[in-house]
Amino acid sequence: MEYKSEITGARIIINPCSFMEAFKLKSVIQRALMSTGMNIEDAFAEDLVKFIFSLDSSEEVMLCLFECLKRSQYNDAAIKPDVFDDLKAREDLYDIFFNCIQVNLGPFLKSLLSKLGINVPADQLKGLLKQKLKTTSGSSAALSQGTGISEGTQTE
């Protein structure tokens, strides 16, 4: 997935990680959610901000995300924690994490939803998340501006 950040204009390339890295990411995200009593349904219902902060507060999730991003690029530099020493780059952090999760866990979720007889195209799912970020009240206002999910600027 290659796109230009709507926030900073940075060129971002999110490449898939290995199967084992993606599976570990899925597992650490599940553990982080379970530890807070959250589940995926809560995220899509009304607690998307809580969902994001549940993941964000887990050092294990953050370290795993950076491991999954090691083949990805931010303005032609490998995505590593030190990229975000630049305050401007920090504005793209959540967008990069979200897209890393989408690229690497999307195939797992697609097959699972298919087995359950649920057909949600990726664009529709992205639209639901974007809409949820915009409509969630209170502290999510800053997040809704910082998603960087863009229509038309992203290519796969």
C-alpha atoms as a PDB file:
ATOM      1  CA  MET A   1       0.000   0.000   0.000  1.00  0.00           C
ATOM      2  CA  GLU A   2       1.483   3.307  -1.063  1.00  0.00           C
ATOM      3  CA  TYR A   3      -0.064   6.675  -0.291  1.00  0.00           C
ATOM      4  CA  LYS A   4       0.647  10.294   0.463  1.00  0.00           C
ATOM      5  CA  SER A   5      -0.230  11.515   3.950  1.00  0.00           C
ATOM      6  CA  GLU A   6      -3.046  14.043   3.929  1.00  0.00           C
ATOM      7  CA  ILE A   7      -1.563  15.540   7.080  1.00  0.00           C
ATOM      8  CA  THR A   8       2.139  15.972   6.326  1.00  0.00           C
ATOM      9  CA  GLY A   9       2.422  15.131   2.645  1.00  0.00           C
ATOM     10  CA  ALA A  10       4.883  12.340   3.443  1.00  0.00           C
ATOM     11  CA  ARG A  11       5.203   9.423   1.028  1.00  0.00           C
ATOM     12  CA  ILE A  12       4.311   6.262   2.950  1.00  0.00           C
ATOM     13  CA  ILE A  13       4.682   2.678   1.791  1.00  0.00           C
ATOM     14  CA  ILE A  14       3.210  -0.072   3.967  1.00  0.00           C
ATOM     15  CA  ASN A  15       4.515  -3.477   2.907  1.00  0.00           C
ATOM     16  CA  PRO A  16       3.146  -6.744   4.276  1.00  0.00           C
ATOM     17  CA  CYS A  17       5.194  -8.379   6.991  1.00  0.00           C
ATOM     18  CA  SER A  18       5.879 -12.092   7.280  1.00  0.00           C
ATOM     19  CA  PHE A  19       3.072 -14.481   8.181  1.00  0.00           C
ATOM     20  CA  MET A  20       4.556 -15.104  11.638  1.00  0.00           C
ATOM     21  CA  GLU A  21       4.904 -11.369  12.359  1.00  0.00           C
ATOM     22  CA  ALA A  22       1.305 -10.760  11.245  1.00  0.00           C
ATOM     23  CA  PHE A  23       0.008 -13.644  13.325  1.00  0.00           C
ATOM     24  CA  LYS A  24       1.896 -12.332  16.362  1.00  0.00           C
ATOM     25  CA  LEU A  25       0.383  -8.876  15.776  1.00  0.00           C
ATOM     26  CA  LYS A  26      -3.091 -10.400  15.674  1.00  0.00           C
ATOM     27  CA  SER A  27      -2.408 -12.233  18.934  1.00  0.00           C
ATOM     28  CA  VAL A  28      -0.988  -9.248  20.839  1.00  0.00           C
ATOM     29  CA  ILE A  29      -3.904  -7.069  19.711  1.00  0.00           C
ATOM     30  CA  GLN A  30      -6.372  -9.707  20.896  1.00  0.00           C
ATOM     31  CA  ARG A  31      -4.596  -9.936  24.274  1.00  0.00           C
ATOM     32  CA  ALA A  32      -4.533  -6.140  24.653  1.00  0.00           C
ATOM     33  CA  LEU A  33      -8.259  -5.922  23.962  1.00  0.00           C
ATOM     34  CA  MET A  34      -9.122  -8.826  26.272  1.00  0.00           C
ATOM     35  CA  SER A  35      -7.090  -7.283  29.098  1.00  0.00           C
ATOM     36  CA  THR A  36      -9.318  -4.194  29.002  1.00  0.00           C
ATOM     37  CA  GLY A  37     -12.579  -6.079  28.506  1.00  0.00           C
ATOM     38  CA  MET A  38     -12.875  -4.751  24.962  1.00  0.00           C
ATOM     39  CA  ASN A  39     -13.865  -6.672  21.886  1.00  0.00           C
ATOM     40  CA  ILE A  40     -14.107  -5.891  18.191  1.00  0.00           C
ATOM     41  CA  GLU A  41     -17.882  -5.396  18.450  1.00  0.00           C
ATOM     42  CA  ASP A  42     -17.318  -2.566  20.949  1.00  0.00           C
ATOM     43  CA  ALA A  43     -15.001  -0.865  18.475  1.00  0.00           C
ATOM     44  CA  PHE A  44     -17.629  -0.845  15.755  1.00  0.00           C
ATOM     45  CA  ALA A  45     -20.487  -0.021  18.121  1.00  0.00           C
ATOM     46  CA  GLU A  46     -19.563   3.080  20.055  1.00  0.00           C
ATOM     47  CA  ASP A  47     -16.153   2.781  21.681  1.00  0.00           C
ATOM     48  CA  LEU A  48     -13.684   3.263  18.811  1.00  0.00           C
ATOM     49  CA  VAL A  49     -11.648   5.781  20.802  1.00  0.00           C
ATOM     50  CA  LYS A  50     -11.434   3.348  23.727  1.00  0.00           C
ATOM     51  CA  PHE A  51     -10.422   0.649  21.236  1.00  0.00           C
ATOM     52  CA  ILE A  52      -7.596   2.784  19.835  1.00  0.00           C
ATOM     53  CA  PHE A  53      -6.321   3.744  23.284  1.00  0.00           C
ATOM     54  CA  SER A  54      -6.511   0.108  24.432  1.00  0.00           C
ATOM     55  CA  LEU A  55      -4.077  -0.781  21.687  1.00  0.00           C
ATOM     56  CA  ASP A  56      -2.014   2.363  22.124  1.00  0.00           C
ATOM     57  CA  SER A  57      -1.469   1.711  25.823  1.00  0.00           C
ATOM     58  CA  SER A  58       0.097  -1.694  25.150  1.00  0.00           C
ATOM     59  CA  GLU A  59       3.871  -1.527  24.747  1.00  0.00           C
ATOM     60  CA  GLU A  60       3.749  -5.076  23.347  1.00  0.00           C
ATOM     61  CA  VAL A  61       1.369  -3.955  20.566  1.00  0.00           C
ATOM     62  CA  MET A  62       3.544  -0.948  19.746  1.00  0.00           C
ATOM     63  CA  LEU A  63       6.734  -3.039  19.567  1.00  0.00           C
ATOM     64  CA  CYS A  64       4.979  -5.623  17.412  1.00  0.00           C
ATOM     65  CA  LEU A  65       3.669  -2.917  15.061  1.00  0.00           C
ATOM     66  CA  PHE A  66       7.191  -1.577  14.574  1.00  0.00           C
ATOM     67  CA  GLU A  67       8.429  -5.118  13.900  1.00  0.00           C
ATOM     68  CA  CYS A  68       5.717  -5.453  11.231  1.00  0.00           C
ATOM     69  CA  LEU A  69       6.690  -2.069   9.748  1.00  0.00           C
ATOM     70  CA  LYS A  70      10.403  -2.804   9.313  1.00  0.00           C
ATOM     71  CA  ARG A  71       9.914  -3.397   5.554  1.00  0.00           C
ATOM     72  CA  SER A  72       7.831  -0.237   5.145  1.00  0.00           C
ATOM     73  CA  GLN A  73       8.964   3.302   4.347  1.00  0.00           C
ATOM     74  CA  TYR A  74       8.325   6.868   5.425  1.00  0.00           C
ATOM     75  CA  ASN A  75       9.764   9.342   2.900  1.00  0.00           C
ATOM     76  CA  ASP A  76      12.166   6.624   1.687  1.00  0.00           C
ATOM     77  CA  ALA A  77      13.412   5.809   5.221  1.00  0.00           C
ATOM     78  CA  ALA A  78      12.656   2.496   6.924  1.00  0.00           C
ATOM     79  CA  ILE A  79       9.855   2.926   9.463  1.00  0.00           C
ATOM     80  CA  LYS A  80      11.504   2.588  12.869  1.00  0.00           C
ATOM     81  CA  PRO A  81      10.738   4.372  16.137  1.00  0.00           C
ATOM     82  CA  ASP A  82      13.453   6.989  15.508  1.00  0.00           C
ATOM     83  CA  VAL A  83      11.564   8.225  12.411  1.00  0.00           C
ATOM     84  CA  PHE A  84       9.087   9.689  14.886  1.00  0.00           C
ATOM     85  CA  ASP A  85      11.733  11.703  16.718  1.00  0.00           C
ATOM     86  CA  ASP A  86      10.700  14.285  14.105  1.00  0.00           C
ATOM     87  CA  LEU A  87       7.611  15.991  15.557  1.00  0.00           C
ATOM     88  CA  LYS A  88       6.056  16.412  12.094  1.00  0.00           C
ATOM     89  CA  ALA A  89       6.305  12.646  11.449  1.00  0.00           C
ATOM     90  CA  ARG A  90       4.455  11.952  14.715  1.00  0.00           C
ATOM     91  CA  GLU A  91       1.357  13.402  13.100  1.00  0.00           C
ATOM     92  CA  ASP A  92       1.301  10.349  10.808  1.00  0.00           C
ATOM     93  CA  LEU A  93       1.910   7.699  13.484  1.00  0.00           C
ATOM     94  CA  TYR A  94      -1.696   6.546  14.051  1.00  0.00           C
ATOM     95  CA  ASP A  95      -2.406   6.523  10.333  1.00  0.00           C
ATOM     96  CA  ILE A  96       0.638   4.331   9.756  1.00  0.00           C
ATOM     97  CA  PHE A  97      -0.325   1.981  12.594  1.00  0.00           C
ATOM     98  CA  PHE A  98      -3.913   1.739  11.305  1.00  0.00           C
ATOM     99  CA  ASN A  99      -2.747   0.947   7.774  1.00  0.00           C
ATOM    100  CA  CYS A 100      -0.203  -1.590   9.042  1.00  0.00           C
ATOM    101  CA  ILE A 101      -3.008  -3.384  10.873  1.00  0.00           C
ATOM    102  CA  GLN A 102      -5.229  -3.215   7.801  1.00  0.00           C
ATOM    103  CA  VAL A 103      -2.568  -4.574   5.420  1.00  0.00           C
ATOM    104  CA  ASN A 104      -1.389  -7.352   7.720  1.00  0.00           C
ATOM    105  CA  LEU A 105      -4.555  -8.453   9.506  1.00  0.00           C
ATOM    106  CA  GLY A 106      -7.056  -7.747   6.732  1.00  0.00           C
ATOM    107  CA  PRO A 107      -6.493 -11.119   5.049  1.00  0.00           C
ATOM    108  CA  PHE A 108      -7.104 -12.971   8.346  1.00  0.00           C
ATOM    109  CA  LEU A 109     -10.316 -11.042   8.978  1.00  0.00           C
ATOM    110  CA  LYS A 110     -11.501 -11.383   5.387  1.00  0.00           C
ATOM    111  CA  SER A 111     -11.371 -15.183   5.501  1.00  0.00           C
ATOM    112  CA  LEU A 112     -12.917 -15.291   8.983  1.00  0.00           C
ATOM    113  CA  LEU A 113     -15.805 -13.020   8.015  1.00  0.00           C
ATOM    114  CA  SER A 114     -16.276 -15.038   4.841  1.00  0.00           C
ATOM    115  CA  LYS A 115     -16.552 -18.280   6.843  1.00  0.00           C
ATOM    116  CA  LEU A 116     -19.158 -16.596   9.021  1.00  0.00           C
ATOM    117  CA  GLY A 117     -21.105 -15.536   5.926  1.00  0.00           C
ATOM    118  CA  ILE A 118     -20.352 -11.845   6.412  1.00  0.00           C
ATOM    119  CA  ASN A 119     -19.225  -9.970   3.316  1.00  0.00           C
ATOM    120  CA  VAL A 120     -17.833  -6.516   4.096  1.00  0.00           C
ATOM    121  CA  PRO A 121     -15.662  -5.073   1.317  1.00  0.00           C
ATOM    122  CA  ALA A 122     -12.445  -3.427   2.575  1.00  0.00           C
ATOM    123  CA  ASP A 123     -13.505   0.000   1.261  1.00  0.00           C
ATOM    124  CA  GLN A 124     -16.799  -0.256   3.132  1.00  0.00           C
ATOM    125  CA  LEU A 125     -15.046  -1.306   6.339  1.00  0.00           C
ATOM    126  CA  LYS A 126     -12.583   1.598   5.992  1.00  0.00           C
ATOM    127  CA  GLY A 127     -15.517   3.957   5.405  1.00  0.00           C
ATOM    128  CA  LEU A 128     -17.277   2.704   8.541  1.00  0.00           C
ATOM    129  CA  LEU A 129     -14.137   3.258  10.612  1.00  0.00           C
ATOM    130  CA  LYS A 130     -13.599   6.718   9.156  1.00  0.00           C
ATOM    131  CA  GLN A 131     -17.234   7.661   9.803  1.00  0.00           C
ATOM    132  CA  LYS A 132     -17.012   6.285  13.344  1.00  0.00           C
ATOM    133  CA  LEU A 133     -13.931   8.364  14.063  1.00  0.00           C
ATOM    134  CA  LYS A 134     -15.717  11.500  12.860  1.00  0.00           C
ATOM    135  CA  THR A 135     -18.899  10.875  14.842  1.00  0.00           C
ATOM    136  CA  THR A 136     -17.422   9.678  18.140  1.00  0.00           C
ATOM    137  CA  SER A 137     -17.745  12.474  20.671  1.00  0.00           C
ATOM    138  CA  GLY A 138     -15.290  14.095  23.051  1.00  0.00           C
ATOM    139  CA  SER A 139     -11.630  13.178  22.915  1.00  0.00           C
ATOM    140  CA  SER A 140     -11.869  11.616  19.465  1.00  0.00           C
ATOM    141  CA  ALA A 141     -12.038  14.969  17.688  1.00  0.00           C
ATOM    142  CA  ALA A 142      -8.263  15.074  17.370  1.00  0.00           C
ATOM    143  CA  LEU A 143      -8.174  11.473  16.216  1.00  0.00           C
ATOM    144  CA  SER A 144     -10.767  12.073  13.520  1.00  0.00           C
ATOM    145  CA  GLN A 145      -8.514  14.727  12.029  1.00  0.00           C
ATOM    146  CA  GLY A 146      -5.442  12.546  12.332  1.00  0.00           C
ATOM    147  CA  THR A 147      -6.571   9.345  10.649  1.00  0.00           C
ATOM    148  CA  GLY A 148      -5.069  10.303   7.303  1.00  0.00           C
ATOM    149  CA  ILE A 149      -7.313   7.766   5.612  1.00  0.00           C
ATOM    150  CA  SER A 150      -7.825   9.258   2.234  1.00  0.00           C
ATOM    151  CA  GLU A 151     -10.104   8.569  -0.651  1.00  0.00           C
ATOM    152  CA  GLY A 152      -8.284   8.574  -3.977  1.00  0.00           C
ATOM    153  CA  THR A 153      -4.722   9.152  -2.713  1.00  0.00           C
ATOM    154  CA  GLN A 154      -4.124   5.578  -1.751  1.00  0.00           C
ATOM    155  CA  THR A 155      -3.041   2.835  -4.107  1.00  0.00           C
ATOM    156  CA  GLU A 156      -2.583  -0.850  -3.479  1.00  0.00           C
END
